[in-house]
Amino acid sequence: MNELERKQAIDAGERALQSLNAARTALRGARNWGIADMLGGGIISTMLKRSRMHEANAALERAKCDLEQFRDELEDVNIQLVTDDFLGFADYFFDGLIFDVVAQQRIGDAAVQVERLTEQVELLLARLINS
């Protein structure tokens, strides 16, 4: 494993981790405002929920790009990152959000996916740093 390739993989992994953490924070906000909205929070909570959902979508898109770059860098050091489920996930996340309950379920699903990917990226980074 070339030291430069290893460093590039670590840098890409750290960017992916930052993006995933931003997505996690945005999803938490969307979930919280979604609950308030379902409990009759009114137009302000609806607007805040939608704003957080757009932030989450943007964060998921950044994470998707960063994970793709991380995957490419890992291939250079002969490590594979399995992200097929996630790489199409950001596109799915906001398709046809009609009902608040459906939105809450999708936000919850996204949060679970982000948690799993965060753990995977952290393990791979630890492996790269300690090699």
N, C-alpha and C. Protein backbone atom coordinates (compact mmCIF):
# COMPACT_ATOMS: atom_id res chain seq x y z
N MET A 1 0.85 -1.17 0.00
CA MET A 1 0.00 0.00 0.00
C MET A 1 0.90 1.24 0.00
N ASN A 2 0.75 2.04 -1.01
CA ASN A 2 1.49 3.28 -1.18
C ASN A 2 1.03 4.30 -0.13
N GLU A 3 1.98 5.00 0.49
CA GLU A 3 1.66 5.96 1.56
C GLU A 3 0.77 7.10 1.05
N LEU A 4 1.01 7.59 -0.16
CA LEU A 4 0.19 8.67 -0.72
C LEU A 4 -1.24 8.18 -0.94
N GLU A 5 -1.41 6.99 -1.49
CA GLU A 5 -2.75 6.43 -1.70
C GLU A 5 -3.46 6.22 -0.38
N ARG A 6 -2.74 5.76 0.62
CA ARG A 6 -3.31 5.57 1.96
C ARG A 6 -3.80 6.90 2.53
N LYS A 7 -2.98 7.95 2.41
CA LYS A 7 -3.36 9.28 2.90
C LYS A 7 -4.58 9.81 2.15
N GLN A 8 -4.61 9.63 0.84
CA GLN A 8 -5.77 10.07 0.05
C GLN A 8 -7.03 9.33 0.48
N ALA A 9 -6.91 8.04 0.76
CA ALA A 9 -8.06 7.26 1.21
C ALA A 9 -8.53 7.75 2.58
N ILE A 10 -7.60 8.04 3.48
CA ILE A 10 -7.95 8.55 4.80
C ILE A 10 -8.66 9.89 4.67
N ASP A 11 -8.12 10.79 3.85
CA ASP A 11 -8.75 12.10 3.66
C ASP A 11 -10.16 11.96 3.09
N ALA A 12 -10.33 11.08 2.11
CA ALA A 12 -11.66 10.86 1.52
C ALA A 12 -12.61 10.26 2.55
N GLY A 13 -12.13 9.36 3.38
CA GLY A 13 -12.95 8.77 4.42
C GLY A 13 -13.37 9.78 5.46
N GLU A 14 -12.47 10.67 5.81
CA GLU A 14 -12.82 11.71 6.78
C GLU A 14 -13.86 12.68 6.22
N ARG A 15 -13.76 13.00 4.92
CA ARG A 15 -14.78 13.85 4.30
C ARG A 15 -16.13 13.13 4.29
N ALA A 16 -16.12 11.85 3.96
CA ALA A 16 -17.36 11.07 3.96
C ALA A 16 -17.97 11.03 5.35
N LEU A 17 -17.15 10.87 6.36
CA LEU A 17 -17.63 10.83 7.73
C LEU A 17 -18.24 12.17 8.14
N GLN A 18 -17.61 13.27 7.74
CA GLN A 18 -18.17 14.59 8.04
C GLN A 18 -19.53 14.76 7.36
N SER A 19 -19.63 14.33 6.11
CA SER A 19 -20.91 14.43 5.39
C SER A 19 -21.98 13.58 6.05
N LEU A 20 -21.62 12.38 6.47
CA LEU A 20 -22.59 11.50 7.14
C LEU A 20 -23.05 12.11 8.47
N ASN A 21 -22.12 12.73 9.19
CA ASN A 21 -22.50 13.38 10.45
C ASN A 21 -23.43 14.56 10.21
N ALA A 22 -23.19 15.32 9.14
CA ALA A 22 -24.09 16.43 8.79
C ALA A 22 -25.46 15.88 8.42
N ALA A 23 -25.50 14.77 7.69
CA ALA A 23 -26.78 14.15 7.33
C ALA A 23 -27.51 13.67 8.57
N ARG A 24 -26.78 13.08 9.49
CA ARG A 24 -27.39 12.60 10.74
C ARG A 24 -28.03 13.75 11.51
N THR A 25 -27.33 14.87 11.62
CA THR A 25 -27.86 16.04 12.33
C THR A 25 -29.11 16.58 11.63
N ALA A 26 -29.05 16.70 10.32
CA ALA A 26 -30.20 17.21 9.57
C ALA A 26 -31.40 16.26 9.68
N LEU A 27 -31.16 14.97 9.65
CA LEU A 27 -32.24 13.99 9.77
C LEU A 27 -32.88 14.06 11.15
N ARG A 28 -32.05 14.26 12.17
CA ARG A 28 -32.60 14.42 13.53
C ARG A 28 -33.54 15.62 13.59
N GLY A 29 -33.11 16.72 13.01
CA GLY A 29 -33.94 17.93 13.00
C GLY A 29 -35.23 17.71 12.23
N ALA A 30 -35.14 17.04 11.08
CA ALA A 30 -36.34 16.76 10.29
C ALA A 30 -37.29 15.85 11.06
N ARG A 31 -36.73 14.85 11.73
CA ARG A 31 -37.57 13.93 12.50
C ARG A 31 -38.28 14.68 13.63
N ASN A 32 -37.55 15.50 14.35
CA ASN A 32 -38.15 16.24 15.47
C ASN A 32 -39.24 17.19 15.01
N TRP A 33 -38.99 17.94 13.94
CA TRP A 33 -40.01 18.86 13.45
C TRP A 33 -41.17 18.10 12.81
N GLY A 34 -40.90 16.92 12.25
CA GLY A 34 -41.98 16.09 11.71
C GLY A 34 -42.93 15.62 12.79
N ILE A 35 -42.37 15.26 13.93
CA ILE A 35 -43.21 14.84 15.06
C ILE A 35 -44.07 16.02 15.52
N ALA A 36 -43.44 17.18 15.65
CA ALA A 36 -44.18 18.37 16.06
C ALA A 36 -45.29 18.67 15.05
N ASP A 37 -44.99 18.51 13.79
CA ASP A 37 -45.97 18.77 12.73
C ASP A 37 -47.15 17.81 12.83
N MET A 38 -46.87 16.54 13.09
CA MET A 38 -47.94 15.55 13.19
C MET A 38 -48.80 15.78 14.44
N LEU A 39 -48.22 16.39 15.45
CA LEU A 39 -48.96 16.66 16.68
C LEU A 39 -49.71 17.99 16.61
N GLY A 40 -49.83 18.54 15.41
CA GLY A 40 -50.62 19.76 15.23
C GLY A 40 -49.82 21.03 15.41
N GLY A 41 -48.57 21.01 15.04
CA GLY A 41 -47.69 22.16 15.25
C GLY A 41 -48.00 23.36 14.38
N GLY A 42 -48.80 23.19 13.35
CA GLY A 42 -49.17 24.33 12.52
C GLY A 42 -48.19 24.60 11.40
N ILE A 43 -48.40 25.74 10.75
CA ILE A 43 -47.65 26.07 9.54
C ILE A 43 -46.17 26.28 9.81
N ILE A 44 -45.84 26.82 10.97
CA ILE A 44 -44.42 27.07 11.27
C ILE A 44 -43.66 25.76 11.40
N SER A 45 -44.24 24.79 12.11
CA SER A 45 -43.55 23.51 12.24
C SER A 45 -43.47 22.80 10.90
N THR A 46 -44.50 22.96 10.06
CA THR A 46 -44.46 22.37 8.72
C THR A 46 -43.32 22.99 7.91
N MET A 47 -43.20 24.30 7.97
CA MET A 47 -42.13 24.98 7.23
C MET A 47 -40.75 24.57 7.75
N LEU A 48 -40.60 24.48 9.06
CA LEU A 48 -39.32 24.08 9.64
C LEU A 48 -38.99 22.63 9.29
N LYS A 49 -40.01 21.76 9.32
CA LYS A 49 -39.79 20.36 8.95
C LYS A 49 -39.32 20.28 7.50
N ARG A 50 -40.00 20.98 6.60
CA ARG A 50 -39.62 20.96 5.18
C ARG A 50 -38.20 21.50 4.98
N SER A 51 -37.87 22.55 5.71
CA SER A 51 -36.53 23.13 5.62
C SER A 51 -35.48 22.11 6.06
N ARG A 52 -35.73 21.42 7.17
CA ARG A 52 -34.79 20.41 7.66
C ARG A 52 -34.72 19.23 6.69
N MET A 53 -35.84 18.90 6.06
CA MET A 53 -35.83 17.80 5.09
C MET A 53 -34.97 18.18 3.87
N HIS A 54 -35.05 19.43 3.44
CA HIS A 54 -34.21 19.87 2.32
C HIS A 54 -32.73 19.87 2.73
N GLU A 55 -32.45 20.29 3.96
CA GLU A 55 -31.08 20.23 4.46
C GLU A 55 -30.59 18.79 4.49
N ALA A 56 -31.44 17.88 4.95
CA ALA A 56 -31.07 16.46 5.00
C ALA A 56 -30.81 15.93 3.60
N ASN A 57 -31.63 16.30 2.65
CA ASN A 57 -31.45 15.86 1.28
C ASN A 57 -30.11 16.35 0.73
N ALA A 58 -29.79 17.62 0.96
CA ALA A 58 -28.51 18.16 0.50
C ALA A 58 -27.34 17.44 1.17
N ALA A 59 -27.47 17.18 2.47
CA ALA A 59 -26.41 16.48 3.20
C ALA A 59 -26.25 15.05 2.68
N LEU A 60 -27.35 14.39 2.37
CA LEU A 60 -27.28 13.03 1.82
C LEU A 60 -26.63 13.04 0.44
N GLU A 61 -26.90 14.05 -0.35
CA GLU A 61 -26.27 14.15 -1.67
C GLU A 61 -24.75 14.34 -1.52
N ARG A 62 -24.35 15.21 -0.58
CA ARG A 62 -22.91 15.40 -0.34
C ARG A 62 -22.28 14.09 0.14
N ALA A 63 -22.96 13.42 1.06
CA ALA A 63 -22.45 12.14 1.57
C ALA A 63 -22.32 11.12 0.45
N LYS A 64 -23.30 11.10 -0.43
CA LYS A 64 -23.26 10.17 -1.57
C LYS A 64 -22.00 10.41 -2.41
N CYS A 65 -21.73 11.66 -2.74
CA CYS A 65 -20.54 12.00 -3.54
C CYS A 65 -19.26 11.65 -2.78
N ASP A 66 -19.23 11.99 -1.49
CA ASP A 66 -18.04 11.70 -0.69
C ASP A 66 -17.82 10.20 -0.53
N LEU A 67 -18.90 9.43 -0.39
CA LEU A 67 -18.77 7.97 -0.29
C LEU A 67 -18.29 7.37 -1.60
N GLU A 68 -18.74 7.91 -2.71
CA GLU A 68 -18.26 7.42 -4.01
C GLU A 68 -16.76 7.67 -4.14
N GLN A 69 -16.30 8.85 -3.73
CA GLN A 69 -14.87 9.15 -3.79
C GLN A 69 -14.10 8.26 -2.82
N PHE A 70 -14.64 8.05 -1.63
CA PHE A 70 -13.99 7.17 -0.65
C PHE A 70 -13.87 5.76 -1.22
N ARG A 71 -14.95 5.28 -1.83
CA ARG A 71 -14.92 3.94 -2.44
C ARG A 71 -13.81 3.86 -3.49
N ASP A 72 -13.69 4.89 -4.32
CA ASP A 72 -12.66 4.90 -5.36
C ASP A 72 -11.25 4.89 -4.74
N GLU A 73 -11.07 5.70 -3.70
CA GLU A 73 -9.77 5.74 -3.03
C GLU A 73 -9.45 4.41 -2.35
N LEU A 74 -10.47 3.76 -1.78
CA LEU A 74 -10.24 2.47 -1.13
C LEU A 74 -9.84 1.41 -2.14
N GLU A 75 -10.38 1.49 -3.35
CA GLU A 75 -9.99 0.53 -4.38
C GLU A 75 -8.51 0.66 -4.70
N ASP A 76 -7.97 1.90 -4.61
CA ASP A 76 -6.55 2.11 -4.86
C ASP A 76 -5.67 1.41 -3.83
N VAL A 77 -6.21 1.18 -2.63
CA VAL A 77 -5.46 0.49 -1.59
C VAL A 77 -6.01 -0.92 -1.34
N ASN A 78 -6.76 -1.42 -2.31
CA ASN A 78 -7.29 -2.79 -2.29
C ASN A 78 -8.23 -3.08 -1.12
N ILE A 79 -9.11 -2.13 -0.80
CA ILE A 79 -10.16 -2.32 0.21
C ILE A 79 -11.46 -1.96 -0.47
N GLN A 80 -12.51 -2.73 -0.21
CA GLN A 80 -13.80 -2.44 -0.82
C GLN A 80 -14.80 -1.93 0.20
N LEU A 81 -15.55 -0.90 -0.19
CA LEU A 81 -16.63 -0.35 0.62
C LEU A 81 -17.93 -0.69 -0.08
N VAL A 82 -18.81 -1.37 0.62
CA VAL A 82 -20.09 -1.75 0.04
C VAL A 82 -21.10 -0.66 0.35
N THR A 83 -21.50 0.11 -0.68
CA THR A 83 -22.44 1.21 -0.47
C THR A 83 -23.55 1.21 -1.49
N ASP A 84 -23.72 0.13 -2.22
CA ASP A 84 -24.73 0.11 -3.29
C ASP A 84 -26.11 0.53 -2.79
N ASP A 85 -26.51 0.04 -1.61
CA ASP A 85 -27.82 0.41 -1.08
C ASP A 85 -27.91 1.91 -0.85
N PHE A 86 -26.83 2.50 -0.36
CA PHE A 86 -26.88 3.91 -0.02
C PHE A 86 -26.77 4.81 -1.25
N LEU A 87 -25.96 4.42 -2.20
CA LEU A 87 -25.69 5.32 -3.33
C LEU A 87 -26.95 5.66 -4.10
N GLY A 88 -27.95 4.80 -4.10
CA GLY A 88 -29.22 5.14 -4.72
C GLY A 88 -30.23 5.68 -3.72
N PHE A 89 -29.86 5.67 -2.46
CA PHE A 89 -30.80 6.02 -1.40
C PHE A 89 -31.18 7.49 -1.40
N ALA A 90 -30.23 8.38 -1.62
CA ALA A 90 -30.54 9.81 -1.58
C ALA A 90 -31.56 10.19 -2.65
N ASP A 91 -31.50 9.53 -3.80
CA ASP A 91 -32.47 9.80 -4.86
C ASP A 91 -33.88 9.38 -4.42
N TYR A 92 -33.98 8.28 -3.70
CA TYR A 92 -35.26 7.75 -3.24
C TYR A 92 -35.86 8.59 -2.12
N PHE A 93 -34.99 9.17 -1.31
CA PHE A 93 -35.41 9.74 -0.03
C PHE A 93 -36.57 10.71 -0.14
N PHE A 94 -36.57 11.59 -1.11
CA PHE A 94 -37.62 12.60 -1.17
C PHE A 94 -38.62 12.37 -2.30
N ASP A 95 -38.59 11.23 -2.97
CA ASP A 95 -39.55 10.97 -4.03
C ASP A 95 -40.95 10.83 -3.46
N GLY A 96 -41.86 11.69 -3.89
CA GLY A 96 -43.28 11.55 -3.59
C GLY A 96 -43.67 11.63 -2.14
N LEU A 97 -43.05 12.51 -1.36
CA LEU A 97 -43.46 12.65 0.03
C LEU A 97 -44.82 13.32 0.08
N ILE A 98 -45.83 12.54 0.42
CA ILE A 98 -47.19 13.07 0.42
C ILE A 98 -47.72 13.17 1.84
N PHE A 99 -47.57 12.13 2.61
CA PHE A 99 -48.14 12.11 3.96
C PHE A 99 -47.05 12.24 5.00
N ASP A 100 -47.35 12.93 6.09
CA ASP A 100 -46.38 13.14 7.16
C ASP A 100 -45.88 11.83 7.75
N VAL A 101 -46.75 10.85 7.89
CA VAL A 101 -46.35 9.57 8.46
C VAL A 101 -45.34 8.88 7.56
N VAL A 102 -45.57 8.94 6.25
CA VAL A 102 -44.64 8.36 5.30
C VAL A 102 -43.30 9.09 5.39
N ALA A 103 -43.35 10.41 5.50
CA ALA A 103 -42.12 11.20 5.62
C ALA A 103 -41.36 10.78 6.87
N GLN A 104 -42.05 10.62 7.98
CA GLN A 104 -41.40 10.21 9.22
C GLN A 104 -40.73 8.85 9.06
N GLN A 105 -41.39 7.93 8.38
CA GLN A 105 -40.81 6.60 8.16
C GLN A 105 -39.55 6.71 7.31
N ARG A 106 -39.60 7.51 6.27
CA ARG A 106 -38.44 7.68 5.40
C ARG A 106 -37.29 8.36 6.14
N ILE A 107 -37.61 9.32 6.97
CA ILE A 107 -36.57 9.98 7.77
C ILE A 107 -35.93 8.95 8.69
N GLY A 108 -36.75 8.13 9.34
CA GLY A 108 -36.23 7.08 10.22
C GLY A 108 -35.37 6.08 9.47
N ASP A 109 -35.82 5.67 8.28
CA ASP A 109 -35.03 4.74 7.45
C ASP A 109 -33.69 5.36 7.07
N ALA A 110 -33.73 6.63 6.68
CA ALA A 110 -32.50 7.32 6.31
C ALA A 110 -31.54 7.39 7.49
N ALA A 111 -32.07 7.68 8.67
CA ALA A 111 -31.23 7.78 9.86
C ALA A 111 -30.54 6.44 10.15
N VAL A 112 -31.27 5.34 10.00
CA VAL A 112 -30.68 4.01 10.22
C VAL A 112 -29.57 3.76 9.20
N GLN A 113 -29.82 4.07 7.94
CA GLN A 113 -28.80 3.88 6.90
C GLN A 113 -27.56 4.72 7.18
N VAL A 114 -27.76 5.97 7.58
CA VAL A 114 -26.63 6.85 7.86
C VAL A 114 -25.83 6.30 9.04
N GLU A 115 -26.50 5.81 10.06
CA GLU A 115 -25.79 5.22 11.21
C GLU A 115 -24.94 4.02 10.77
N ARG A 116 -25.50 3.15 9.97
CA ARG A 116 -24.76 1.97 9.50
C ARG A 116 -23.54 2.37 8.68
N LEU A 117 -23.73 3.32 7.77
CA LEU A 117 -22.62 3.75 6.94
C LEU A 117 -21.56 4.47 7.77
N THR A 118 -21.98 5.24 8.75
CA THR A 118 -21.02 5.92 9.61
C THR A 118 -20.14 4.90 10.32
N GLU A 119 -20.75 3.85 10.86
CA GLU A 119 -19.98 2.81 11.53
C GLU A 119 -19.01 2.14 10.58
N GLN A 120 -19.45 1.87 9.36
CA GLN A 120 -18.59 1.21 8.37
C GLN A 120 -17.42 2.12 8.00
N VAL A 121 -17.67 3.39 7.78
CA VAL A 121 -16.61 4.33 7.42
C VAL A 121 -15.63 4.47 8.58
N GLU A 122 -16.13 4.55 9.81
CA GLU A 122 -15.24 4.65 10.97
C GLU A 122 -14.33 3.43 11.09
N LEU A 123 -14.87 2.24 10.86
CA LEU A 123 -14.06 1.02 10.92
C LEU A 123 -12.99 1.01 9.83
N LEU A 124 -13.38 1.40 8.62
CA LEU A 124 -12.42 1.44 7.52
C LEU A 124 -11.35 2.48 7.75
N LEU A 125 -11.72 3.63 8.29
CA LEU A 125 -10.72 4.66 8.60
C LEU A 125 -9.75 4.17 9.65
N ALA A 126 -10.27 3.52 10.68
CA ALA A 126 -9.38 2.98 11.72
C ALA A 126 -8.41 1.96 11.12
N ARG A 127 -8.90 1.16 10.22
CA ARG A 127 -8.06 0.17 9.55
C ARG A 127 -6.97 0.86 8.73
N LEU A 128 -7.34 1.92 8.01
CA LEU A 128 -6.36 2.65 7.20
C LEU A 128 -5.33 3.35 8.09
N ILE A 129 -5.80 3.99 9.13
CA ILE A 129 -4.89 4.75 10.01
C ILE A 129 -3.93 3.83 10.73
N ASN A 130 -4.39 2.65 11.11
CA ASN A 130 -3.55 1.72 11.87
C ASN A 130 -2.73 0.79 11.01
N SER A 131 -2.82 0.93 9.68
CA SER A 131 -2.04 0.02 8.82
C SER A 131 -0.67 0.58 8.52
